[in-house]
Amino acid sequence: MIKSFKKRIGALVTVGPTVLWLGFFLMIPLIYVIGISFLTKNAYGGVDFIFTLDNYKALFSNEYVKVFADSLWLSLETTVICLIVGYPFAYIIANAPKKWKPALVMLLMLPFWTNSLIRTYGWNTLLRTEGVINHFLQWIGIIDKPLNMLYTDGAVLLGMVYALLPFTVLPLHTSIEKLDHSLLEAASDLGASKVHTFTRVILPLTMPGIFAGSIQTFIPSLGFFFISDMMGGAKTMYIGNLIKNQFLSARNWPLGAVLSIVLIIITLIIMKLYTRVGSLEDMA
């Protein structure tokens, strides 16, 4: 009896703080947002306790459907480019000499030591019409007048890739590092070319890292509103910007809550699909 009581106390002490933390900072805010989504906005930017489904009906308007479609497409583009660019980087780091690996991983993590807003503003300085890139291209005679590189969809995509590339490289690096090199030697002994070795051996074995990197890139890119604000000039509306505007500018908290819930649902669906082909441990 005493041992059972001690085990319960031990479990409560171990798990209790985590449960309280999740309950206070996750469940209570989530329930609050869900509750607000069924209420009505009043004329003064507040919320009236009048039940309505109009906020959910508004999601099916062409305007909001386009915003979700644009956001999903941008996230898909970001993920694909990060995979194409990040895979070679991860492969080089994983196969580098042991004495160089810590330094290469540190260089990969170095951008996280600086605030992402400051790094994004640095790209603004480089890409603007009076920026370093335009001045350099004019100086060497490639262009006659400045190019309009900033405040475009391409600039937003560049900012997304730059900000999220490490999230793709790190899971890929972990997956590639676990490769059994004896399998690569066996493929070479059997006469497989480098292309066949990559497509038939390396790529399938590193698929968990590819899926994990894709998830860790795709999901955050859906909500990175500050990059599209700073590098896109808010010319194209994405779901993160829309949610921010509803809460801060339009003062339409019920609609902002609905959009937030939809974003959470999209995230849960993606995570559920991922668990069918991969393991959540690969994302650690």
C-alpha atoms as a PDB file:
ATOM      1  CA  MET A   1       0.000   0.000   0.000  1.00  0.00           C
ATOM      2  CA  ILE A   2       2.788   2.400   0.958  1.00  0.00           C
ATOM      3  CA  LYS A   3       4.820   1.430  -2.126  1.00  0.00           C
ATOM      4  CA  SER A   4       1.798   2.068  -4.363  1.00  0.00           C
ATOM      5  CA  PHE A   5       1.245   5.453  -2.728  1.00  0.00           C
ATOM      6  CA  LYS A   6       4.933   6.365  -3.187  1.00  0.00           C
ATOM      7  CA  LYS A   7       4.747   5.379  -6.877  1.00  0.00           C
ATOM      8  CA  ARG A   8       1.713   7.616  -7.369  1.00  0.00           C
ATOM      9  CA  ILE A   9       3.426  10.504  -5.622  1.00  0.00           C
ATOM     10  CA  GLY A  10       6.547   9.962  -7.737  1.00  0.00           C
ATOM     11  CA  ALA A  11       4.501   9.874 -10.945  1.00  0.00           C
ATOM     12  CA  LEU A  12       2.616  13.003  -9.869  1.00  0.00           C
ATOM     13  CA  VAL A  13       5.839  14.864  -9.107  1.00  0.00           C
ATOM     14  CA  THR A  14       7.356  13.781 -12.435  1.00  0.00           C
ATOM     15  CA  VAL A  15       4.381  14.310 -14.730  1.00  0.00           C
ATOM     16  CA  GLY A  16       2.467  16.951 -12.788  1.00  0.00           C
ATOM     17  CA  PRO A  17       4.531  20.033 -13.778  1.00  0.00           C
ATOM     18  CA  THR A  18       4.385  19.036 -17.463  1.00  0.00           C
ATOM     19  CA  VAL A  19       0.616  18.539 -17.313  1.00  0.00           C
ATOM     20  CA  LEU A  20       0.160  21.911 -15.576  1.00  0.00           C
ATOM     21  CA  TRP A  21       2.417  23.620 -18.118  1.00  0.00           C
ATOM     22  CA  LEU A  22       0.575  22.130 -21.110  1.00  0.00           C
ATOM     23  CA  GLY A  23      -2.791  22.804 -19.541  1.00  0.00           C
ATOM     24  CA  PHE A  24      -2.068  26.437 -18.714  1.00  0.00           C
ATOM     25  CA  PHE A  25      -0.133  27.440 -21.826  1.00  0.00           C
ATOM     26  CA  LEU A  26      -1.709  25.138 -24.439  1.00  0.00           C
ATOM     27  CA  MET A  27      -5.127  23.778 -23.553  1.00  0.00           C
ATOM     28  CA  ILE A  28      -6.617  26.876 -21.876  1.00  0.00           C
ATOM     29  CA  PRO A  29      -5.575  29.257 -24.729  1.00  0.00           C
ATOM     30  CA  LEU A  30      -6.791  26.708 -27.302  1.00  0.00           C
ATOM     31  CA  ILE A  31     -10.188  26.384 -25.602  1.00  0.00           C
ATOM     32  CA  TYR A  32     -10.351  30.188 -25.394  1.00  0.00           C
ATOM     33  CA  VAL A  33      -9.664  30.548 -29.130  1.00  0.00           C
ATOM     34  CA  ILE A  34     -12.231  27.873 -30.013  1.00  0.00           C
ATOM     35  CA  GLY A  35     -14.816  29.634 -27.845  1.00  0.00           C
ATOM     36  CA  ILE A  36     -14.167  33.027 -29.440  1.00  0.00           C
ATOM     37  CA  SER A  37     -14.548  31.542 -32.927  1.00  0.00           C
ATOM     38  CA  PHE A  38     -18.285  31.015 -32.278  1.00  0.00           C
ATOM     39  CA  LEU A  39     -18.897  34.573 -31.013  1.00  0.00           C
ATOM     40  CA  THR A  40     -19.708  37.827 -32.789  1.00  0.00           C
ATOM     41  CA  LYS A  41     -17.515  40.859 -33.362  1.00  0.00           C
ATOM     42  CA  ASN A  42     -19.016  44.104 -32.123  1.00  0.00           C
ATOM     43  CA  ALA A  43     -18.665  47.582 -33.609  1.00  0.00           C
ATOM     44  CA  TYR A  44     -15.892  48.582 -31.201  1.00  0.00           C
ATOM     45  CA  GLY A  45     -13.470  45.759 -31.979  1.00  0.00           C
ATOM     46  CA  GLY A  46     -14.552  43.649 -29.032  1.00  0.00           C
ATOM     47  CA  VAL A  47     -16.554  40.442 -28.839  1.00  0.00           C
ATOM     48  CA  ASP A  48     -20.253  40.012 -28.118  1.00  0.00           C
ATOM     49  CA  PHE A  49     -21.348  36.757 -26.520  1.00  0.00           C
ATOM     50  CA  ILE A  50     -23.759  35.952 -29.349  1.00  0.00           C
ATOM     51  CA  PHE A  51     -23.405  32.495 -30.862  1.00  0.00           C
ATOM     52  CA  THR A  52     -22.897  32.429 -34.639  1.00  0.00           C
ATOM     53  CA  LEU A  53     -21.497  30.246 -37.401  1.00  0.00           C
ATOM     54  CA  ASP A  54     -20.950  33.139 -39.794  1.00  0.00           C
ATOM     55  CA  ASN A  55     -17.224  33.168 -39.046  1.00  0.00           C
ATOM     56  CA  TYR A  56     -16.898  29.597 -40.298  1.00  0.00           C
ATOM     57  CA  LYS A  57     -19.112  30.284 -43.328  1.00  0.00           C
ATOM     58  CA  ALA A  58     -16.774  33.146 -44.304  1.00  0.00           C
ATOM     59  CA  LEU A  59     -13.967  30.615 -44.863  1.00  0.00           C
ATOM     60  CA  PHE A  60     -15.667  29.390 -48.034  1.00  0.00           C
ATOM     61  CA  SER A  61     -15.526  32.777 -49.744  1.00  0.00           C
ATOM     62  CA  ASN A  62     -13.260  33.010 -52.799  1.00  0.00           C
ATOM     63  CA  GLU A  63     -11.009  35.498 -51.012  1.00  0.00           C
ATOM     64  CA  TYR A  64     -10.100  33.197 -48.147  1.00  0.00           C
ATOM     65  CA  VAL A  65      -9.885  30.084 -50.322  1.00  0.00           C
ATOM     66  CA  LYS A  66      -7.314  31.920 -52.457  1.00  0.00           C
ATOM     67  CA  VAL A  67      -5.328  32.897 -49.356  1.00  0.00           C
ATOM     68  CA  PHE A  68      -5.154  29.268 -48.203  1.00  0.00           C
ATOM     69  CA  ALA A  69      -4.240  28.078 -51.699  1.00  0.00           C
ATOM     70  CA  ASP A  70      -1.460  30.679 -52.012  1.00  0.00           C
ATOM     71  CA  SER A  71      -0.145  29.790 -48.554  1.00  0.00           C
ATOM     72  CA  LEU A  72      -0.061  26.058 -49.246  1.00  0.00           C
ATOM     73  CA  TRP A  73       1.639  26.626 -52.596  1.00  0.00           C
ATOM     74  CA  LEU A  74       4.291  28.897 -51.040  1.00  0.00           C
ATOM     75  CA  SER A  75       4.950  26.322 -48.312  1.00  0.00           C
ATOM     76  CA  LEU A  76       5.244  23.554 -50.910  1.00  0.00           C
ATOM     77  CA  GLU A  77       7.691  25.610 -52.995  1.00  0.00           C
ATOM     78  CA  THR A  78       9.738  26.408 -49.895  1.00  0.00           C
ATOM     79  CA  THR A  79       9.863  22.756 -48.863  1.00  0.00           C
ATOM     80  CA  VAL A  80      10.900  21.466 -52.298  1.00  0.00           C
ATOM     81  CA  ILE A  81      13.653  24.080 -52.724  1.00  0.00           C
ATOM     82  CA  CYS A  82      14.945  23.458 -49.188  1.00  0.00           C
ATOM     83  CA  LEU A  83      15.142  19.721 -49.963  1.00  0.00           C
ATOM     84  CA  ILE A  84      16.963  20.269 -53.256  1.00  0.00           C
ATOM     85  CA  VAL A  85      19.437  22.709 -51.720  1.00  0.00           C
ATOM     86  CA  GLY A  86      19.686  21.098 -48.298  1.00  0.00           C
ATOM     87  CA  TYR A  87      20.295  17.462 -49.287  1.00  0.00           C
ATOM     88  CA  PRO A  88      23.789  18.075 -50.739  1.00  0.00           C
ATOM     89  CA  PHE A  89      24.681  20.203 -47.702  1.00  0.00           C
ATOM     90  CA  ALA A  90      23.504  17.472 -45.318  1.00  0.00           C
ATOM     91  CA  TYR A  91      25.388  14.809 -47.294  1.00  0.00           C
ATOM     92  CA  ILE A  92      28.625  16.822 -47.203  1.00  0.00           C
ATOM     93  CA  ILE A  93      28.340  17.416 -43.446  1.00  0.00           C
ATOM     94  CA  ALA A  94      27.500  13.767 -42.729  1.00  0.00           C
ATOM     95  CA  ASN A  95      30.499  12.502 -44.739  1.00  0.00           C
ATOM     96  CA  ALA A  96      32.967  15.155 -43.614  1.00  0.00           C
ATOM     97  CA  PRO A  97      35.945  14.144 -41.419  1.00  0.00           C
ATOM     98  CA  LYS A  98      35.021  13.841 -37.767  1.00  0.00           C
ATOM     99  CA  LYS A  99      37.168  16.793 -36.756  1.00  0.00           C
ATOM    100  CA  TRP A 100      35.258  19.068 -39.139  1.00  0.00           C
ATOM    101  CA  LYS A 101      31.701  17.924 -38.370  1.00  0.00           C
ATOM    102  CA  PRO A 102      31.181  20.015 -35.191  1.00  0.00           C
ATOM    103  CA  ALA A 103      32.395  23.135 -36.976  1.00  0.00           C
ATOM    104  CA  LEU A 104      30.127  22.535 -39.983  1.00  0.00           C
ATOM    105  CA  VAL A 105      27.092  21.894 -37.783  1.00  0.00           C
ATOM    106  CA  MET A 106      27.906  25.050 -35.814  1.00  0.00           C
ATOM    107  CA  LEU A 107      28.049  27.063 -39.046  1.00  0.00           C
ATOM    108  CA  LEU A 108      24.647  25.654 -39.952  1.00  0.00           C
ATOM    109  CA  MET A 109      23.238  26.707 -36.585  1.00  0.00           C
ATOM    110  CA  LEU A 110      24.988  30.087 -36.548  1.00  0.00           C
ATOM    111  CA  PRO A 111      22.054  32.021 -38.092  1.00  0.00           C
ATOM    112  CA  PHE A 112      19.885  31.049 -35.103  1.00  0.00           C
ATOM    113  CA  TRP A 113      22.172  33.129 -32.890  1.00  0.00           C
ATOM    114  CA  THR A 114      20.769  36.248 -34.551  1.00  0.00           C
ATOM    115  CA  ASN A 115      17.163  37.379 -34.442  1.00  0.00           C
ATOM    116  CA  SER A 116      15.275  36.298 -37.573  1.00  0.00           C
ATOM    117  CA  LEU A 117      13.818  39.782 -38.031  1.00  0.00           C
ATOM    118  CA  ILE A 118      17.316  41.270 -38.191  1.00  0.00           C
ATOM    119  CA  ARG A 119      18.431  38.632 -40.704  1.00  0.00           C
ATOM    120  CA  THR A 120      15.354  39.253 -42.844  1.00  0.00           C
ATOM    121  CA  TYR A 121      15.971  42.993 -42.744  1.00  0.00           C
ATOM    122  CA  GLY A 122      19.500  42.254 -43.973  1.00  0.00           C
ATOM    123  CA  TRP A 123      17.997  40.722 -47.112  1.00  0.00           C
ATOM    124  CA  ASN A 124      15.953  43.905 -47.551  1.00  0.00           C
ATOM    125  CA  THR A 125      19.189  45.867 -47.587  1.00  0.00           C
ATOM    126  CA  LEU A 126      20.694  43.559 -50.199  1.00  0.00           C
ATOM    127  CA  LEU A 127      17.686  43.321 -52.526  1.00  0.00           C
ATOM    128  CA  ARG A 128      16.337  46.868 -52.585  1.00  0.00           C
ATOM    129  CA  THR A 129      16.823  48.999 -55.696  1.00  0.00           C
ATOM    130  CA  GLU A 130      19.549  50.984 -53.928  1.00  0.00           C
ATOM    131  CA  GLY A 131      20.978  47.857 -52.364  1.00  0.00           C
ATOM    132  CA  VAL A 132      24.322  46.098 -52.623  1.00  0.00           C
ATOM    133  CA  ILE A 133      23.280  43.599 -55.314  1.00  0.00           C
ATOM    134  CA  ASN A 134      21.874  46.192 -57.701  1.00  0.00           C
ATOM    135  CA  HIS A 135      24.875  48.485 -57.212  1.00  0.00           C
ATOM    136  CA  PHE A 136      27.255  45.597 -57.903  1.00  0.00           C
ATOM    137  CA  LEU A 137      25.384  44.467 -61.043  1.00  0.00           C
ATOM    138  CA  GLN A 138      25.388  48.020 -62.365  1.00  0.00           C
ATOM    139  CA  TRP A 139      29.064  48.474 -61.500  1.00  0.00           C
ATOM    140  CA  ILE A 140      30.140  45.415 -63.547  1.00  0.00           C
ATOM    141  CA  GLY A 141      27.835  46.448 -66.395  1.00  0.00           C
ATOM    142  CA  ILE A 142      25.320  43.579 -66.358  1.00  0.00           C
ATOM    143  CA  ILE A 143      22.325  45.884 -65.914  1.00  0.00           C
ATOM    144  CA  ASP A 144      21.677  49.529 -66.815  1.00  0.00           C
ATOM    145  CA  LYS A 145      18.996  50.256 -64.239  1.00  0.00           C
ATOM    146  CA  PRO A 146      18.158  48.669 -60.863  1.00  0.00           C
ATOM    147  CA  LEU A 147      16.143  45.461 -60.849  1.00  0.00           C
ATOM    148  CA  ASN A 148      12.939  45.232 -58.859  1.00  0.00           C
ATOM    149  CA  MET A 149      13.891  42.294 -56.640  1.00  0.00           C
ATOM    150  CA  LEU A 150      12.292  43.329 -53.359  1.00  0.00           C
ATOM    151  CA  TYR A 151       8.558  43.233 -52.578  1.00  0.00           C
ATOM    152  CA  THR A 152       7.922  40.357 -54.968  1.00  0.00           C
ATOM    153  CA  ASP A 153       6.753  36.764 -54.547  1.00  0.00           C
ATOM    154  CA  GLY A 154      10.276  35.637 -55.422  1.00  0.00           C
ATOM    155  CA  ALA A 155      11.703  37.697 -52.564  1.00  0.00           C
ATOM    156  CA  VAL A 156       9.229  36.107 -50.146  1.00  0.00           C
ATOM    157  CA  LEU A 157      10.217  32.639 -51.365  1.00  0.00           C
ATOM    158  CA  LEU A 158      13.903  33.508 -50.945  1.00  0.00           C
ATOM    159  CA  GLY A 159      13.288  34.696 -47.392  1.00  0.00           C
ATOM    160  CA  MET A 160      11.362  31.522 -46.546  1.00  0.00           C
ATOM    161  CA  VAL A 161      14.080  29.256 -47.913  1.00  0.00           C
ATOM    162  CA  TYR A 162      16.791  31.196 -46.101  1.00  0.00           C
ATOM    163  CA  ALA A 163      14.936  31.091 -42.778  1.00  0.00           C
ATOM    164  CA  LEU A 164      13.893  27.417 -42.929  1.00  0.00           C
ATOM    165  CA  LEU A 165      16.817  25.713 -44.666  1.00  0.00           C
ATOM    166  CA  PRO A 166      18.463  24.592 -41.383  1.00  0.00           C
ATOM    167  CA  PHE A 167      15.203  22.902 -40.364  1.00  0.00           C
ATOM    168  CA  THR A 168      15.554  20.722 -43.462  1.00  0.00           C
ATOM    169  CA  VAL A 169      19.291  20.092 -43.280  1.00  0.00           C
ATOM    170  CA  LEU A 170      19.452  18.905 -39.660  1.00  0.00           C
ATOM    171  CA  PRO A 171      17.040  15.916 -39.977  1.00  0.00           C
ATOM    172  CA  LEU A 172      18.634  15.022 -43.316  1.00  0.00           C
ATOM    173  CA  HIS A 173      22.094  15.124 -41.740  1.00  0.00           C
ATOM    174  CA  THR A 174      20.973  12.810 -38.937  1.00  0.00           C
ATOM    175  CA  SER A 175      19.405  10.362 -41.389  1.00  0.00           C
ATOM    176  CA  ILE A 176      22.375  10.335 -43.771  1.00  0.00           C
ATOM    177  CA  GLU A 177      24.794   9.875 -40.870  1.00  0.00           C
ATOM    178  CA  LYS A 178      23.004   6.629 -39.938  1.00  0.00           C
ATOM    179  CA  LEU A 179      23.617   5.104 -43.380  1.00  0.00           C
ATOM    180  CA  ASP A 180      25.288   1.699 -43.345  1.00  0.00           C
ATOM    181  CA  HIS A 181      28.292   2.265 -45.632  1.00  0.00           C
ATOM    182  CA  SER A 182      28.664  -1.475 -46.171  1.00  0.00           C
ATOM    183  CA  LEU A 183      25.497  -1.298 -48.276  1.00  0.00           C
ATOM    184  CA  LEU A 184      27.090   1.387 -50.446  1.00  0.00           C
ATOM    185  CA  GLU A 185      30.183  -0.775 -50.861  1.00  0.00           C
ATOM    186  CA  ALA A 186      27.995  -3.762 -51.773  1.00  0.00           C
ATOM    187  CA  ALA A 187      26.179  -1.692 -54.405  1.00  0.00           C
ATOM    188  CA  SER A 188      29.533  -0.605 -55.858  1.00  0.00           C
ATOM    189  CA  ASP A 189      30.836  -4.194 -55.907  1.00  0.00           C
ATOM    190  CA  LEU A 190      27.712  -5.273 -57.789  1.00  0.00           C
ATOM    191  CA  GLY A 191      28.442  -2.715 -60.499  1.00  0.00           C
ATOM    192  CA  ALA A 192      25.882  -0.064 -59.589  1.00  0.00           C
ATOM    193  CA  SER A 193      26.677   3.417 -60.850  1.00  0.00           C
ATOM    194  CA  LYS A 194      26.668   6.416 -58.507  1.00  0.00           C
ATOM    195  CA  VAL A 195      23.261   7.450 -59.819  1.00  0.00           C
ATOM    196  CA  HIS A 196      21.782   3.994 -59.231  1.00  0.00           C
ATOM    197  CA  THR A 197      23.403   3.790 -55.799  1.00  0.00           C
ATOM    198  CA  PHE A 198      21.824   7.103 -54.867  1.00  0.00           C
ATOM    199  CA  THR A 199      18.348   6.328 -56.219  1.00  0.00           C
ATOM    200  CA  ARG A 200      18.194   2.652 -55.151  1.00  0.00           C
ATOM    201  CA  VAL A 201      20.110   2.710 -51.844  1.00  0.00           C
ATOM    202  CA  ILE A 202      20.814   6.153 -50.376  1.00  0.00           C
ATOM    203  CA  LEU A 203      17.520   7.838 -51.180  1.00  0.00           C
ATOM    204  CA  PRO A 204      15.222   5.089 -49.802  1.00  0.00           C
ATOM    205  CA  LEU A 205      17.307   4.716 -46.640  1.00  0.00           C
ATOM    206  CA  THR A 206      17.285   8.471 -45.970  1.00  0.00           C
ATOM    207  CA  MET A 207      13.550   8.833 -46.667  1.00  0.00           C
ATOM    208  CA  PRO A 208      12.746   9.266 -42.929  1.00  0.00           C
ATOM    209  CA  GLY A 209      15.024  12.308 -42.843  1.00  0.00           C
ATOM    210  CA  ILE A 210      13.443  13.657 -46.036  1.00  0.00           C
ATOM    211  CA  PHE A 211       9.947  13.361 -44.570  1.00  0.00           C
ATOM    212  CA  ALA A 212      11.017  14.835 -41.224  1.00  0.00           C
ATOM    213  CA  GLY A 213      12.784  17.760 -42.889  1.00  0.00           C
ATOM    214  CA  SER A 214       9.787  18.374 -45.128  1.00  0.00           C
ATOM    215  CA  ILE A 215       7.391  18.500 -42.195  1.00  0.00           C
ATOM    216  CA  GLN A 216       9.667  20.775 -40.163  1.00  0.00           C
ATOM    217  CA  THR A 217       9.861  23.137 -43.131  1.00  0.00           C
ATOM    218  CA  PHE A 218       6.304  22.998 -44.463  1.00  0.00           C
ATOM    219  CA  ILE A 219       4.452  23.608 -41.190  1.00  0.00           C
ATOM    220  CA  PRO A 220       6.408  26.681 -39.964  1.00  0.00           C
ATOM    221  CA  SER A 221       6.285  28.264 -43.423  1.00  0.00           C
ATOM    222  CA  LEU A 222       2.493  28.412 -43.170  1.00  0.00           C
ATOM    223  CA  GLY A 223       2.703  30.905 -40.321  1.00  0.00           C
ATOM    224  CA  PHE A 224       5.826  32.962 -41.067  1.00  0.00           C
ATOM    225  CA  PHE A 225       3.930  36.222 -41.602  1.00  0.00           C
ATOM    226  CA  PHE A 226       6.822  38.600 -40.927  1.00  0.00           C
ATOM    227  CA  ILE A 227       8.829  37.423 -43.958  1.00  0.00           C
ATOM    228  CA  SER A 228       6.017  38.151 -46.410  1.00  0.00           C
ATOM    229  CA  ASP A 229       5.412  41.483 -44.675  1.00  0.00           C
ATOM    230  CA  MET A 230       9.044  42.580 -44.887  1.00  0.00           C
ATOM    231  CA  MET A 231      10.100  41.059 -48.204  1.00  0.00           C
ATOM    232  CA  GLY A 232       6.783  40.961 -50.028  1.00  0.00           C
ATOM    233  CA  GLY A 233       5.470  44.350 -49.023  1.00  0.00           C
ATOM    234  CA  ALA A 234       2.160  42.686 -48.077  1.00  0.00           C
ATOM    235  CA  LYS A 235       1.288  42.558 -51.798  1.00  0.00           C
ATOM    236  CA  THR A 236       0.239  38.915 -51.536  1.00  0.00           C
ATOM    237  CA  MET A 237      -1.798  37.854 -48.528  1.00  0.00           C
ATOM    238  CA  TYR A 238      -0.902  34.590 -46.817  1.00  0.00           C
ATOM    239  CA  ILE A 239      -2.651  32.842 -43.968  1.00  0.00           C
ATOM    240  CA  GLY A 240      -0.157  34.006 -41.334  1.00  0.00           C
ATOM    241  CA  ASN A 241      -0.554  37.634 -42.413  1.00  0.00           C
ATOM    242  CA  LEU A 242      -4.328  37.252 -42.522  1.00  0.00           C
ATOM    243  CA  ILE A 243      -4.489  35.929 -38.959  1.00  0.00           C
ATOM    244  CA  LYS A 244      -2.202  38.700 -37.717  1.00  0.00           C
ATOM    245  CA  ASN A 245      -4.280  41.365 -39.465  1.00  0.00           C
ATOM    246  CA  GLN A 246      -7.555  40.042 -38.072  1.00  0.00           C
ATOM    247  CA  PHE A 247      -6.267  40.173 -34.497  1.00  0.00           C
ATOM    248  CA  LEU A 248      -4.273  43.419 -34.648  1.00  0.00           C
ATOM    249  CA  SER A 249      -5.614  45.600 -37.483  1.00  0.00           C
ATOM    250  CA  ALA A 250      -9.195  44.583 -38.263  1.00  0.00           C
ATOM    251  CA  ARG A 251      -9.865  43.750 -34.599  1.00  0.00           C
ATOM    252  CA  ASN A 252     -11.979  40.823 -35.739  1.00  0.00           C
ATOM    253  CA  TRP A 253     -10.972  38.288 -33.113  1.00  0.00           C
ATOM    254  CA  PRO A 254     -13.685  35.702 -33.930  1.00  0.00           C
ATOM    255  CA  LEU A 255     -12.578  35.461 -37.575  1.00  0.00           C
ATOM    256  CA  GLY A 256      -8.917  35.440 -36.537  1.00  0.00           C
ATOM    257  CA  ALA A 257      -9.716  32.580 -34.146  1.00  0.00           C
ATOM    258  CA  VAL A 258     -11.433  30.615 -36.937  1.00  0.00           C
ATOM    259  CA  LEU A 259      -8.434  31.060 -39.237  1.00  0.00           C
ATOM    260  CA  SER A 260      -6.107  29.962 -36.423  1.00  0.00           C
ATOM    261  CA  ILE A 261      -8.176  26.841 -35.827  1.00  0.00           C
ATOM    262  CA  VAL A 262      -8.063  25.976 -39.532  1.00  0.00           C
ATOM    263  CA  LEU A 263      -4.284  26.369 -39.485  1.00  0.00           C
ATOM    264  CA  ILE A 264      -4.081  24.042 -36.465  1.00  0.00           C
ATOM    265  CA  ILE A 265      -6.296  21.491 -38.240  1.00  0.00           C
ATOM    266  CA  ILE A 266      -4.079  21.616 -41.342  1.00  0.00           C
ATOM    267  CA  THR A 267      -1.041  21.034 -39.131  1.00  0.00           C
ATOM    268  CA  LEU A 268      -2.675  18.054 -37.386  1.00  0.00           C
ATOM    269  CA  ILE A 269      -3.692  16.521 -40.725  1.00  0.00           C
ATOM    270  CA  ILE A 270      -0.133  16.850 -42.034  1.00  0.00           C
ATOM    271  CA  MET A 271       1.278  15.303 -38.854  1.00  0.00           C
ATOM    272  CA  LYS A 272      -1.219  12.435 -39.083  1.00  0.00           C
ATOM    273  CA  LEU A 273      -0.254  11.771 -42.691  1.00  0.00           C
ATOM    274  CA  TYR A 274       3.407  11.885 -41.698  1.00  0.00           C
ATOM    275  CA  THR A 275       2.955   9.238 -38.986  1.00  0.00           C
ATOM    276  CA  ARG A 276       1.765   6.835 -41.703  1.00  0.00           C
ATOM    277  CA  VAL A 277       5.092   7.023 -43.558  1.00  0.00           C
ATOM    278  CA  GLY A 278       7.532   8.051 -40.843  1.00  0.00           C
ATOM    279  CA  SER A 279       8.139   8.252 -37.138  1.00  0.00           C
ATOM    280  CA  LEU A 280       7.899  11.310 -34.928  1.00  0.00           C
ATOM    281  CA  GLU A 281      11.264  10.270 -33.465  1.00  0.00           C
ATOM    282  CA  ASP A 282      12.896  11.208 -36.785  1.00  0.00           C
ATOM    283  CA  MET A 283      11.959  14.842 -36.135  1.00  0.00           C
ATOM    284  CA  ALA A 284      13.748  14.968 -32.791  1.00  0.00           C
END
